[in-house]
């Protein structure tokens, strides 16, 4: 029996960052892989010309969106595995509805691997901001001050806190898992979270305003879709208690930056932003100089651990699919395409 024929589109530089050597060799041994041996990703035009006859595609960072012409010529295509995060940019909604769904072409994303890195950052930021590590360190290094008497003295750190999680997404669920040893009470706002899932995760489903009112700390993991644009604004931010911590590692569009500035400039809350709108914020943006706002340059998804899991998911998804095992790890629910980040 012949091996499934897979076209591997990313450049070798991508491969070395997301595959352990032994995992990539297993991929090469298990399938008939046509590798991209150039120093660049395969172009959309090249995909259109060469896609006929392939059972599967592997995409990844650097791979351009696929065209409708490519899908029309993909006579044997059964699965597309994205060895990176969001697949949203690869297809238009029309391509999903007109080609992928009716033809049963499966789409896999390794977003769960990146979620491991983002969740670690989010939990670390909750600890860092509640304990004022950066503030204390800068006081010592730049001001020569051992203790700042004007620094707020909250004693509510992560252990025993009420933590609000906005969206039980891939990242949100990993954050919930990582928080378990800290003896926290977890509130979740997610209109798509079922009572059964909430009970299984031992979290309490609440409305968005209730989450902000009751939480000591809030971490945001909502997708960037029209329904979430500036979903968190003045109404929610003013409900935060004094010394509350707010962390955003999702997308800047979810948070109204003007409203955030008005609340943060009072100094009564601590904010950590790994994402902003735009990115980067302009040098003269009002949020930049606020001492209680710590901005990092969208690095929460970085990290060898999560990145090397991408290769594991890619291989596992192909193995599951072509051996008939269900479900394939990382499968994207195309019926809910509009809700995908």
C-alpha atoms as a PDB file:
ATOM      1  CA  UNK A   1       0.000   0.000   0.000  1.00  0.00           C
ATOM      2  CA  UNK A   2       1.435   3.373  -1.013  1.00  0.00           C
ATOM      3  CA  UNK A   3       2.072   6.046   1.567  1.00  0.00           C
ATOM      4  CA  UNK A   4      -0.088   9.187   1.603  1.00  0.00           C
ATOM      5  CA  UNK A   5       1.550  11.942  -0.423  1.00  0.00           C
ATOM      6  CA  UNK A   6       2.124  15.139   1.582  1.00  0.00           C
ATOM      7  CA  UNK A   7       3.419  18.484   0.333  1.00  0.00           C
ATOM      8  CA  UNK A   8       5.435  20.259   3.022  1.00  0.00           C
ATOM      9  CA  UNK A   9       5.287  23.988   2.205  1.00  0.00           C
ATOM     10  CA  UNK A  10       7.254  25.816   4.968  1.00  0.00           C
ATOM     11  CA  UNK A  11      10.904  26.740   4.588  1.00  0.00           C
ATOM     12  CA  UNK A  12      13.615  24.712   6.389  1.00  0.00           C
ATOM     13  CA  UNK A  13      14.096  27.558   8.871  1.00  0.00           C
ATOM     14  CA  UNK A  14      10.541  26.966  10.079  1.00  0.00           C
ATOM     15  CA  UNK A  15      11.107  23.235  10.324  1.00  0.00           C
ATOM     16  CA  UNK A  16      14.119  23.572  12.585  1.00  0.00           C
ATOM     17  CA  UNK A  17      12.128  25.731  14.982  1.00  0.00           C
ATOM     18  CA  UNK A  18       9.101  23.489  15.422  1.00  0.00           C
ATOM     19  CA  UNK A  19      10.331  19.925  14.881  1.00  0.00           C
ATOM     20  CA  UNK A  20      12.672  17.833  16.951  1.00  0.00           C
ATOM     21  CA  UNK A  21      15.003  16.032  14.572  1.00  0.00           C
ATOM     22  CA  UNK A  22      13.623  12.610  15.484  1.00  0.00           C
ATOM     23  CA  UNK A  23      10.036  13.804  14.993  1.00  0.00           C
ATOM     24  CA  UNK A  24      10.789  15.172  11.531  1.00  0.00           C
ATOM     25  CA  UNK A  25      12.525  11.950  10.558  1.00  0.00           C
ATOM     26  CA  UNK A  26       9.430  10.006  11.632  1.00  0.00           C
ATOM     27  CA  UNK A  27       7.354  12.303   9.430  1.00  0.00           C
ATOM     28  CA  UNK A  28       9.629  11.604   6.467  1.00  0.00           C
ATOM     29  CA  UNK A  29       9.483   7.874   7.138  1.00  0.00           C
ATOM     30  CA  UNK A  30       5.727   7.597   7.609  1.00  0.00           C
ATOM     31  CA  UNK A  31       4.617   9.542   4.544  1.00  0.00           C
ATOM     32  CA  UNK A  32       5.742  10.358   1.044  1.00  0.00           C
ATOM     33  CA  UNK A  33       6.869  13.898   1.831  1.00  0.00           C
ATOM     34  CA  UNK A  34       7.693  16.394  -0.890  1.00  0.00           C
ATOM     35  CA  UNK A  35       9.866  18.873   1.025  1.00  0.00           C
ATOM     36  CA  UNK A  36      10.405  22.521   0.375  1.00  0.00           C
ATOM     37  CA  UNK A  37      14.210  22.693   0.173  1.00  0.00           C
ATOM     38  CA  UNK A  38      14.382  26.409  -0.692  1.00  0.00           C
ATOM     39  CA  UNK A  39      15.071  29.200   1.793  1.00  0.00           C
ATOM     40  CA  UNK A  40      11.515  30.539   1.441  1.00  0.00           C
ATOM     41  CA  UNK A  41       7.952  29.331   1.706  1.00  0.00           C
ATOM     42  CA  UNK A  42       6.246  28.050  -1.425  1.00  0.00           C
ATOM     43  CA  UNK A  43       4.323  30.859  -3.148  1.00  0.00           C
ATOM     44  CA  UNK A  44       0.544  30.753  -3.758  1.00  0.00           C
ATOM     45  CA  UNK A  45       1.170  30.511  -7.500  1.00  0.00           C
ATOM     46  CA  UNK A  46       3.471  27.527  -7.024  1.00  0.00           C
ATOM     47  CA  UNK A  47       0.839  25.865  -4.850  1.00  0.00           C
ATOM     48  CA  UNK A  48      -1.774  26.364  -7.572  1.00  0.00           C
ATOM     49  CA  UNK A  49       0.523  24.790 -10.161  1.00  0.00           C
ATOM     50  CA  UNK A  50       1.658  21.817  -8.098  1.00  0.00           C
ATOM     51  CA  UNK A  51      -1.134  20.842  -5.700  1.00  0.00           C
ATOM     52  CA  UNK A  52      -2.754  18.187  -7.870  1.00  0.00           C
ATOM     53  CA  UNK A  53      -2.038  14.664  -6.661  1.00  0.00           C
ATOM     54  CA  UNK A  54      -1.337  15.465  -3.014  1.00  0.00           C
ATOM     55  CA  UNK A  55      -3.340  13.860  -0.218  1.00  0.00           C
ATOM     56  CA  UNK A  56      -2.266  16.428   2.348  1.00  0.00           C
ATOM     57  CA  UNK A  57      -0.622  19.810   2.859  1.00  0.00           C
ATOM     58  CA  UNK A  58       1.526  21.027   5.730  1.00  0.00           C
ATOM     59  CA  UNK A  59       1.539  24.798   6.110  1.00  0.00           C
ATOM     60  CA  UNK A  60       3.169  26.981   8.756  1.00  0.00           C
ATOM     61  CA  UNK A  61       4.653  30.374   9.540  1.00  0.00           C
ATOM     62  CA  UNK A  62       5.676  32.139   6.342  1.00  0.00           C
ATOM     63  CA  UNK A  63       3.209  30.242   4.153  1.00  0.00           C
ATOM     64  CA  UNK A  64       0.947  32.609   2.229  1.00  0.00           C
ATOM     65  CA  UNK A  65      -2.874  32.240   2.157  1.00  0.00           C
ATOM     66  CA  UNK A  66      -4.157  29.560  -0.177  1.00  0.00           C
ATOM     67  CA  UNK A  67      -6.135  30.602  -3.228  1.00  0.00           C
ATOM     68  CA  UNK A  68      -9.481  29.347  -4.415  1.00  0.00           C
ATOM     69  CA  UNK A  69      -7.765  28.158  -7.595  1.00  0.00           C
ATOM     70  CA  UNK A  70      -5.442  25.989  -5.504  1.00  0.00           C
ATOM     71  CA  UNK A  71      -8.360  24.293  -3.770  1.00  0.00           C
ATOM     72  CA  UNK A  72     -10.125  23.786  -7.102  1.00  0.00           C
ATOM     73  CA  UNK A  73      -7.043  21.975  -8.438  1.00  0.00           C
ATOM     74  CA  UNK A  74      -6.498  19.944  -5.248  1.00  0.00           C
ATOM     75  CA  UNK A  75      -8.063  16.802  -6.693  1.00  0.00           C
ATOM     76  CA  UNK A  76      -6.905  14.434  -3.922  1.00  0.00           C
ATOM     77  CA  UNK A  77      -6.558  16.788  -0.958  1.00  0.00           C
ATOM     78  CA  UNK A  78      -8.000  15.397   2.272  1.00  0.00           C
ATOM     79  CA  UNK A  79      -6.217  17.271   5.067  1.00  0.00           C
ATOM     80  CA  UNK A  80      -4.347  20.529   5.700  1.00  0.00           C
ATOM     81  CA  UNK A  81      -2.144  20.654   8.799  1.00  0.00           C
ATOM     82  CA  UNK A  82      -0.999  24.107   9.894  1.00  0.00           C
ATOM     83  CA  UNK A  83       2.245  23.756  11.832  1.00  0.00           C
ATOM     84  CA  UNK A  84       1.649  27.073  13.600  1.00  0.00           C
ATOM     85  CA  UNK A  85      -1.217  28.890  15.357  1.00  0.00           C
ATOM     86  CA  UNK A  86      -4.301  30.426  13.799  1.00  0.00           C
ATOM     87  CA  UNK A  87      -5.467  29.100  10.439  1.00  0.00           C
ATOM     88  CA  UNK A  88      -7.873  31.993   9.925  1.00  0.00           C
ATOM     89  CA  UNK A  89      -5.629  33.803   7.438  1.00  0.00           C
ATOM     90  CA  UNK A  90      -5.200  30.765   5.179  1.00  0.00           C
ATOM     91  CA  UNK A  91      -8.760  30.670   3.807  1.00  0.00           C
ATOM     92  CA  UNK A  92     -11.614  33.051   3.131  1.00  0.00           C
ATOM     93  CA  UNK A  93     -15.033  32.164   4.578  1.00  0.00           C
ATOM     94  CA  UNK A  94     -16.174  31.469   1.025  1.00  0.00           C
ATOM     95  CA  UNK A  95     -13.394  28.908   0.570  1.00  0.00           C
ATOM     96  CA  UNK A  96     -14.375  27.213   3.815  1.00  0.00           C
ATOM     97  CA  UNK A  97     -18.056  27.048   2.854  1.00  0.00           C
ATOM     98  CA  UNK A  98     -17.492  26.323  -0.845  1.00  0.00           C
ATOM     99  CA  UNK A  99     -14.603  23.840  -0.757  1.00  0.00           C
ATOM    100  CA  UNK A 100     -13.436  22.623   2.639  1.00  0.00           C
ATOM    101  CA  UNK A 101     -16.782  21.753   4.217  1.00  0.00           C
ATOM    102  CA  UNK A 102     -18.604  20.178   1.232  1.00  0.00           C
ATOM    103  CA  UNK A 103     -15.532  18.161   0.234  1.00  0.00           C
ATOM    104  CA  UNK A 104     -14.779  17.060   3.777  1.00  0.00           C
ATOM    105  CA  UNK A 105     -11.251  18.467   3.754  1.00  0.00           C
ATOM    106  CA  UNK A 106     -10.028  18.469   7.338  1.00  0.00           C
ATOM    107  CA  UNK A 107      -8.057  21.364   8.803  1.00  0.00           C
ATOM    108  CA  UNK A 108      -5.651  20.983  11.726  1.00  0.00           C
ATOM    109  CA  UNK A 109      -3.995  23.735  13.761  1.00  0.00           C
ATOM    110  CA  UNK A 110      -1.140  23.430  16.249  1.00  0.00           C
ATOM    111  CA  UNK A 111      -2.527  26.365  18.226  1.00  0.00           C
ATOM    112  CA  UNK A 112      -2.710  24.127  21.286  1.00  0.00           C
ATOM    113  CA  UNK A 113       1.092  23.979  21.344  1.00  0.00           C
ATOM    114  CA  UNK A 114       1.450  27.756  21.317  1.00  0.00           C
ATOM    115  CA  UNK A 115      -1.196  27.946  24.042  1.00  0.00           C
ATOM    116  CA  UNK A 116       1.285  26.230  26.353  1.00  0.00           C
ATOM    117  CA  UNK A 117       3.689  29.164  26.049  1.00  0.00           C
ATOM    118  CA  UNK A 118       1.013  31.856  26.249  1.00  0.00           C
ATOM    119  CA  UNK A 119      -0.550  30.333  29.350  1.00  0.00           C
ATOM    120  CA  UNK A 120       2.813  30.196  31.097  1.00  0.00           C
ATOM    121  CA  UNK A 121       3.322  33.893  30.357  1.00  0.00           C
ATOM    122  CA  UNK A 122      -0.162  34.761  31.607  1.00  0.00           C
ATOM    123  CA  UNK A 123       0.266  32.978  34.935  1.00  0.00           C
ATOM    124  CA  UNK A 124       3.731  34.468  35.331  1.00  0.00           C
ATOM    125  CA  UNK A 125       2.340  37.942  34.662  1.00  0.00           C
ATOM    126  CA  UNK A 126      -0.339  37.473  37.325  1.00  0.00           C
ATOM    127  CA  UNK A 127       2.383  36.659  39.844  1.00  0.00           C
ATOM    128  CA  UNK A 128       4.759  39.379  38.649  1.00  0.00           C
ATOM    129  CA  UNK A 129       2.216  42.186  38.686  1.00  0.00           C
ATOM    130  CA  UNK A 130       0.598  41.266  41.995  1.00  0.00           C
ATOM    131  CA  UNK A 131       4.019  41.125  43.676  1.00  0.00           C
ATOM    132  CA  UNK A 132       5.253  44.305  41.923  1.00  0.00           C
ATOM    133  CA  UNK A 133       8.551  42.687  40.930  1.00  0.00           C
ATOM    134  CA  UNK A 134       9.312  45.191  38.188  1.00  0.00           C
ATOM    135  CA  UNK A 135       8.426  48.166  40.362  1.00  0.00           C
ATOM    136  CA  UNK A 136      10.635  47.041  43.225  1.00  0.00           C
ATOM    137  CA  UNK A 137      13.530  46.134  40.914  1.00  0.00           C
ATOM    138  CA  UNK A 138      13.438  49.503  39.130  1.00  0.00           C
ATOM    139  CA  UNK A 139      13.249  51.364  42.425  1.00  0.00           C
ATOM    140  CA  UNK A 140      16.421  49.662  43.595  1.00  0.00           C
ATOM    141  CA  UNK A 141      18.317  49.943  40.313  1.00  0.00           C
ATOM    142  CA  UNK A 142      17.252  53.374  39.067  1.00  0.00           C
ATOM    143  CA  UNK A 143      16.298  55.274  42.231  1.00  0.00           C
ATOM    144  CA  UNK A 144      18.547  53.609  44.783  1.00  0.00           C
ATOM    145  CA  UNK A 145      15.480  53.090  46.963  1.00  0.00           C
ATOM    146  CA  UNK A 146      15.161  49.872  48.972  1.00  0.00           C
ATOM    147  CA  UNK A 147      11.436  50.229  49.671  1.00  0.00           C
ATOM    148  CA  UNK A 148       9.107  52.824  48.166  1.00  0.00           C
ATOM    149  CA  UNK A 149       6.667  54.002  50.838  1.00  0.00           C
ATOM    150  CA  UNK A 150       4.297  55.205  48.115  1.00  0.00           C
ATOM    151  CA  UNK A 151       4.090  51.767  46.497  1.00  0.00           C
ATOM    152  CA  UNK A 152       0.725  50.123  47.134  1.00  0.00           C
ATOM    153  CA  UNK A 153       1.004  47.293  49.614  1.00  0.00           C
ATOM    154  CA  UNK A 154      -1.461  44.682  48.427  1.00  0.00           C
ATOM    155  CA  UNK A 155      -1.078  41.366  50.171  1.00  0.00           C
ATOM    156  CA  UNK A 156      -3.309  39.499  47.757  1.00  0.00           C
ATOM    157  CA  UNK A 157      -0.966  37.538  45.534  1.00  0.00           C
ATOM    158  CA  UNK A 158      -1.889  34.577  43.324  1.00  0.00           C
ATOM    159  CA  UNK A 159      -2.354  31.968  46.040  1.00  0.00           C
ATOM    160  CA  UNK A 160      -5.912  32.092  47.319  1.00  0.00           C
ATOM    161  CA  UNK A 161      -6.997  34.762  44.848  1.00  0.00           C
ATOM    162  CA  UNK A 162     -10.200  34.990  42.845  1.00  0.00           C
ATOM    163  CA  UNK A 163      -9.040  34.824  39.232  1.00  0.00           C
ATOM    164  CA  UNK A 164     -11.284  35.808  36.352  1.00  0.00           C
ATOM    165  CA  UNK A 165     -10.604  34.124  33.005  1.00  0.00           C
ATOM    166  CA  UNK A 166     -12.177  35.826  29.998  1.00  0.00           C
ATOM    167  CA  UNK A 167     -12.855  33.035  27.479  1.00  0.00           C
ATOM    168  CA  UNK A 168     -12.288  29.328  27.972  1.00  0.00           C
ATOM    169  CA  UNK A 169     -10.262  29.180  24.762  1.00  0.00           C
ATOM    170  CA  UNK A 170      -7.286  26.867  24.217  1.00  0.00           C
ATOM    171  CA  UNK A 171      -5.115  29.292  26.157  1.00  0.00           C
ATOM    172  CA  UNK A 172      -7.794  29.993  28.735  1.00  0.00           C
ATOM    173  CA  UNK A 173      -8.182  26.294  29.509  1.00  0.00           C
ATOM    174  CA  UNK A 174      -4.440  25.831  29.820  1.00  0.00           C
ATOM    175  CA  UNK A 175      -4.324  28.798  32.220  1.00  0.00           C
ATOM    176  CA  UNK A 176      -7.080  27.175  34.271  1.00  0.00           C
ATOM    177  CA  UNK A 177      -5.050  23.963  34.402  1.00  0.00           C
ATOM    178  CA  UNK A 178      -1.875  25.754  35.470  1.00  0.00           C
ATOM    179  CA  UNK A 179      -3.722  27.655  38.204  1.00  0.00           C
ATOM    180  CA  UNK A 180      -4.897  24.527  40.012  1.00  0.00           C
ATOM    181  CA  UNK A 181      -1.969  24.245  42.496  1.00  0.00           C
ATOM    182  CA  UNK A 182      -2.456  27.859  43.672  1.00  0.00           C
ATOM    183  CA  UNK A 183      -5.707  27.225  45.544  1.00  0.00           C
ATOM    184  CA  UNK A 184      -7.539  29.892  43.571  1.00  0.00           C
ATOM    185  CA  UNK A 185     -11.219  30.347  42.852  1.00  0.00           C
ATOM    186  CA  UNK A 186     -11.744  30.667  39.115  1.00  0.00           C
ATOM    187  CA  UNK A 187     -14.524  32.632  37.446  1.00  0.00           C
ATOM    188  CA  UNK A 188     -15.016  32.283  33.687  1.00  0.00           C
ATOM    189  CA  UNK A 189     -16.873  34.437  31.207  1.00  0.00           C
ATOM    190  CA  UNK A 190     -17.531  32.525  28.000  1.00  0.00           C
ATOM    191  CA  UNK A 191     -20.989  32.423  26.393  1.00  0.00           C
ATOM    192  CA  UNK A 192     -20.060  29.172  24.641  1.00  0.00           C
ATOM    193  CA  UNK A 193     -18.889  27.309  27.755  1.00  0.00           C
ATOM    194  CA  UNK A 194     -21.370  24.614  28.784  1.00  0.00           C
ATOM    195  CA  UNK A 195     -22.364  23.917  32.359  1.00  0.00           C
ATOM    196  CA  UNK A 196     -20.903  20.438  31.962  1.00  0.00           C
ATOM    197  CA  UNK A 197     -17.498  21.783  30.897  1.00  0.00           C
ATOM    198  CA  UNK A 198     -17.539  24.389  33.660  1.00  0.00           C
ATOM    199  CA  UNK A 199     -18.233  21.687  36.218  1.00  0.00           C
ATOM    200  CA  UNK A 200     -15.550  19.435  34.787  1.00  0.00           C
ATOM    201  CA  UNK A 201     -12.992  22.246  35.045  1.00  0.00           C
ATOM    202  CA  UNK A 202     -14.207  23.254  38.515  1.00  0.00           C
ATOM    203  CA  UNK A 203     -14.862  26.865  37.488  1.00  0.00           C
ATOM    204  CA  UNK A 204     -17.847  29.157  37.947  1.00  0.00           C
ATOM    205  CA  UNK A 205     -19.546  30.608  34.876  1.00  0.00           C
ATOM    206  CA  UNK A 206     -20.383  34.286  35.345  1.00  0.00           C
ATOM    207  CA  UNK A 207     -21.365  37.338  33.325  1.00  0.00           C
ATOM    208  CA  UNK A 208     -18.580  39.626  32.130  1.00  0.00           C
ATOM    209  CA  UNK A 209     -19.353  42.440  34.566  1.00  0.00           C
ATOM    210  CA  UNK A 210     -19.629  40.028  37.487  1.00  0.00           C
ATOM    211  CA  UNK A 211     -16.215  38.628  36.622  1.00  0.00           C
ATOM    212  CA  UNK A 212     -14.604  42.073  36.763  1.00  0.00           C
ATOM    213  CA  UNK A 213     -16.428  43.004  39.945  1.00  0.00           C
ATOM    214  CA  UNK A 214     -15.535  39.839  41.880  1.00  0.00           C
ATOM    215  CA  UNK A 215     -11.992  39.072  40.711  1.00  0.00           C
ATOM    216  CA  UNK A 216      -8.686  39.955  42.337  1.00  0.00           C
ATOM    217  CA  UNK A 217      -7.018  39.266  38.994  1.00  0.00           C
ATOM    218  CA  UNK A 218      -8.299  39.028  35.419  1.00  0.00           C
ATOM    219  CA  UNK A 219      -6.585  37.365  32.481  1.00  0.00           C
ATOM    220  CA  UNK A 220      -7.981  37.817  28.958  1.00  0.00           C
ATOM    221  CA  UNK A 221      -7.971  35.051  26.337  1.00  0.00           C
ATOM    222  CA  UNK A 222     -10.814  36.003  23.979  1.00  0.00           C
ATOM    223  CA  UNK A 223     -10.464  35.731  20.186  1.00  0.00           C
ATOM    224  CA  UNK A 224     -10.296  38.795  17.961  1.00  0.00           C
ATOM    225  CA  UNK A 225     -13.645  38.651  16.178  1.00  0.00           C
ATOM    226  CA  UNK A 226     -16.251  41.383  15.544  1.00  0.00           C
ATOM    227  CA  UNK A 227     -18.217  40.387  18.656  1.00  0.00           C
ATOM    228  CA  UNK A 228     -15.201  40.939  20.921  1.00  0.00           C
ATOM    229  CA  UNK A 229     -14.014  44.264  19.500  1.00  0.00           C
ATOM    230  CA  UNK A 230     -13.436  46.515  22.553  1.00  0.00           C
ATOM    231  CA  UNK A 231     -15.577  44.087  24.535  1.00  0.00           C
ATOM    232  CA  UNK A 232     -13.776  45.209  27.695  1.00  0.00           C
ATOM    233  CA  UNK A 233     -14.167  48.924  28.270  1.00  0.00           C
ATOM    234  CA  UNK A 234     -14.877  51.577  30.870  1.00  0.00           C
ATOM    235  CA  UNK A 235     -17.885  49.757  32.321  1.00  0.00           C
ATOM    236  CA  UNK A 236     -15.859  46.657  33.139  1.00  0.00           C
ATOM    237  CA  UNK A 237     -12.602  48.371  34.135  1.00  0.00           C
ATOM    238  CA  UNK A 238     -14.181  50.593  36.753  1.00  0.00           C
ATOM    239  CA  UNK A 239     -15.583  47.473  38.451  1.00  0.00           C
ATOM    240  CA  UNK A 240     -12.070  46.212  39.205  1.00  0.00           C
ATOM    241  CA  UNK A 241     -11.163  46.477  42.856  1.00  0.00           C
ATOM    242  CA  UNK A 242      -8.182  48.534  43.972  1.00  0.00           C
ATOM    243  CA  UNK A 243      -4.864  46.706  43.416  1.00  0.00           C
ATOM    244  CA  UNK A 244      -6.488  44.318  40.945  1.00  0.00           C
ATOM    245  CA  UNK A 245      -4.272  42.838  38.231  1.00  0.00           C
ATOM    246  CA  UNK A 246      -5.321  42.814  34.572  1.00  0.00           C
ATOM    247  CA  UNK A 247      -3.375  40.747  32.009  1.00  0.00           C
ATOM    248  CA  UNK A 248      -4.032  40.619  28.254  1.00  0.00           C
ATOM    249  CA  UNK A 249      -2.229  38.048  26.107  1.00  0.00           C
ATOM    250  CA  UNK A 250      -5.028  37.593  23.548  1.00  0.00           C
ATOM    251  CA  UNK A 251      -5.417  40.485  21.108  1.00  0.00           C
ATOM    252  CA  UNK A 252      -5.293  44.213  21.682  1.00  0.00           C
ATOM    253  CA  UNK A 253      -8.637  44.764  19.958  1.00  0.00           C
ATOM    254  CA  UNK A 254     -10.488  43.036  22.790  1.00  0.00           C
ATOM    255  CA  UNK A 255      -9.573  45.856  25.194  1.00  0.00           C
ATOM    256  CA  UNK A 256     -10.579  49.511  24.768  1.00  0.00           C
ATOM    257  CA  UNK A 257      -7.205  51.258  25.136  1.00  0.00           C
ATOM    258  CA  UNK A 258      -8.674  54.700  25.759  1.00  0.00           C
ATOM    259  CA  UNK A 259     -10.834  53.381  28.585  1.00  0.00           C
ATOM    260  CA  UNK A 260      -7.867  51.448  29.928  1.00  0.00           C
ATOM    261  CA  UNK A 261      -5.757  54.590  30.044  1.00  0.00           C
ATOM    262  CA  UNK A 262      -8.414  56.512  31.946  1.00  0.00           C
ATOM    263  CA  UNK A 263      -8.607  53.774  34.585  1.00  0.00           C
ATOM    264  CA  UNK A 264      -4.898  52.943  34.702  1.00  0.00           C
ATOM    265  CA  UNK A 265      -3.752  56.549  35.073  1.00  0.00           C
ATOM    266  CA  UNK A 266      -5.309  56.591  38.542  1.00  0.00           C
ATOM    267  CA  UNK A 267      -2.700  54.036  39.587  1.00  0.00           C
ATOM    268  CA  UNK A 268      -5.231  51.876  41.351  1.00  0.00           C
ATOM    269  CA  UNK A 269      -4.851  48.786  39.104  1.00  0.00           C
ATOM    270  CA  UNK A 270      -1.848  46.889  37.737  1.00  0.00           C
ATOM    271  CA  UNK A 271      -1.834  46.076  34.016  1.00  0.00           C
ATOM    272  CA  UNK A 272       0.300  43.790  31.883  1.00  0.00           C
ATOM    273  CA  UNK A 273      -0.189  43.941  28.124  1.00  0.00           C
ATOM    274  CA  UNK A 274       1.566  41.512  25.814  1.00  0.00           C
ATOM    275  CA  UNK A 275      -0.697  42.620  22.956  1.00  0.00           C
ATOM    276  CA  UNK A 276      -1.849  46.072  21.895  1.00  0.00           C
ATOM    277  CA  UNK A 277      -3.677  47.816  19.082  1.00  0.00           C
ATOM    278  CA  UNK A 278      -1.723  48.850  17.127  1.00  0.00           C
ATOM    279  CA  UNK A 279       1.488  46.874  17.601  1.00  0.00           C
ATOM    280  CA  UNK A 280       3.754  48.385  18.579  1.00  0.00           C
ATOM    281  CA  UNK A 281       2.026  51.264  20.305  1.00  0.00           C
ATOM    282  CA  UNK A 282       3.262  54.633  18.976  1.00  0.00           C
ATOM    283  CA  UNK A 283       6.215  56.013  20.988  1.00  0.00           C
ATOM    284  CA  UNK A 284       4.042  58.813  22.357  1.00  0.00           C
ATOM    285  CA  UNK A 285       1.093  56.611  23.329  1.00  0.00           C
ATOM    286  CA  UNK A 286      -0.326  57.531  26.720  1.00  0.00           C
ATOM    287  CA  UNK A 287      -0.146  53.993  28.100  1.00  0.00           C
ATOM    288  CA  UNK A 288       3.618  53.657  27.603  1.00  0.00           C
ATOM    289  CA  UNK A 289       4.882  55.833  30.475  1.00  0.00           C
ATOM    290  CA  UNK A 290       2.384  54.709  33.130  1.00  0.00           C
ATOM    291  CA  UNK A 291       4.375  52.978  35.897  1.00  0.00           C
ATOM    292  CA  UNK A 292       1.572  50.533  36.652  1.00  0.00           C
ATOM    293  CA  UNK A 293       1.315  49.387  33.015  1.00  0.00           C
ATOM    294  CA  UNK A 294       3.936  46.861  31.893  1.00  0.00           C
ATOM    295  CA  UNK A 295       4.029  46.247  28.140  1.00  0.00           C
ATOM    296  CA  UNK A 296       5.868  43.336  26.524  1.00  0.00           C
ATOM    297  CA  UNK A 297       6.358  43.019  22.731  1.00  0.00           C
ATOM    298  CA  UNK A 298       3.909  40.185  21.939  1.00  0.00           C
ATOM    299  CA  UNK A 299       6.311  37.491  23.112  1.00  0.00           C
ATOM    300  CA  UNK A 300       3.974  35.312  25.164  1.00  0.00           C
ATOM    301  CA  UNK A 301       3.722  32.697  22.418  1.00  0.00           C
ATOM    302  CA  UNK A 302       7.481  32.281  22.149  1.00  0.00           C
ATOM    303  CA  UNK A 303       9.349  29.424  23.774  1.00  0.00           C
ATOM    304  CA  UNK A 304      11.055  26.193  22.781  1.00  0.00           C
ATOM    305  CA  UNK A 305       8.709  23.952  24.766  1.00  0.00           C
ATOM    306  CA  UNK A 306       5.537  24.977  22.988  1.00  0.00           C
ATOM    307  CA  UNK A 307       7.174  25.458  19.612  1.00  0.00           C
ATOM    308  CA  UNK A 308       8.597  21.927  19.576  1.00  0.00           C
ATOM    309  CA  UNK A 309       5.159  20.590  20.475  1.00  0.00           C
ATOM    310  CA  UNK A 310       4.007  21.987  17.113  1.00  0.00           C
ATOM    311  CA  UNK A 311       5.946  19.292  15.306  1.00  0.00           C
ATOM    312  CA  UNK A 312       4.526  16.606  17.579  1.00  0.00           C
ATOM    313  CA  UNK A 313       0.965  17.757  16.867  1.00  0.00           C
ATOM    314  CA  UNK A 314       1.646  17.948  13.131  1.00  0.00           C
ATOM    315  CA  UNK A 315       2.936  14.393  12.956  1.00  0.00           C
ATOM    316  CA  UNK A 316       0.288  13.029  15.320  1.00  0.00           C
ATOM    317  CA  UNK A 317      -2.544  14.655  13.358  1.00  0.00           C
ATOM    318  CA  UNK A 318      -1.360  13.096  10.094  1.00  0.00           C
ATOM    319  CA  UNK A 319      -0.868   9.698  11.719  1.00  0.00           C
ATOM    320  CA  UNK A 320      -4.319   9.786  13.316  1.00  0.00           C
ATOM    321  CA  UNK A 321      -6.073  10.909  10.171  1.00  0.00           C
ATOM    322  CA  UNK A 322      -4.511   8.472   7.704  1.00  0.00           C
ATOM    323  CA  UNK A 323      -4.853   5.525  10.085  1.00  0.00           C
ATOM    324  CA  UNK A 324      -8.528   6.291  10.653  1.00  0.00           C
ATOM    325  CA  UNK A 325      -8.202   7.202  14.330  1.00  0.00           C
ATOM    326  CA  UNK A 326     -10.513   9.971  15.530  1.00  0.00           C
ATOM    327  CA  UNK A 327     -10.314  12.741  16.414  1.00  0.00           C
ATOM    328  CA  UNK A 328      -7.123  14.091  14.897  1.00  0.00           C
ATOM    329  CA  UNK A 329      -5.275  16.305  17.417  1.00  0.00           C
ATOM    330  CA  UNK A 330      -5.848  20.010  16.818  1.00  0.00           C
ATOM    331  CA  UNK A 331      -8.762  19.633  14.411  1.00  0.00           C
ATOM    332  CA  UNK A 332     -10.526  22.908  13.640  1.00  0.00           C
ATOM    333  CA  UNK A 333     -14.315  22.966  13.830  1.00  0.00           C
ATOM    334  CA  UNK A 334     -15.108  24.479  10.445  1.00  0.00           C
ATOM    335  CA  UNK A 335     -18.786  24.809  11.368  1.00  0.00           C
ATOM    336  CA  UNK A 336     -17.772  27.542  13.825  1.00  0.00           C
ATOM    337  CA  UNK A 337     -15.302  29.310  11.535  1.00  0.00           C
ATOM    338  CA  UNK A 338     -16.586  32.773  12.463  1.00  0.00           C
ATOM    339  CA  UNK A 339     -15.694  32.230  16.131  1.00  0.00           C
ATOM    340  CA  UNK A 340     -12.094  31.184  15.476  1.00  0.00           C
ATOM    341  CA  UNK A 341      -9.392  33.632  16.506  1.00  0.00           C
END
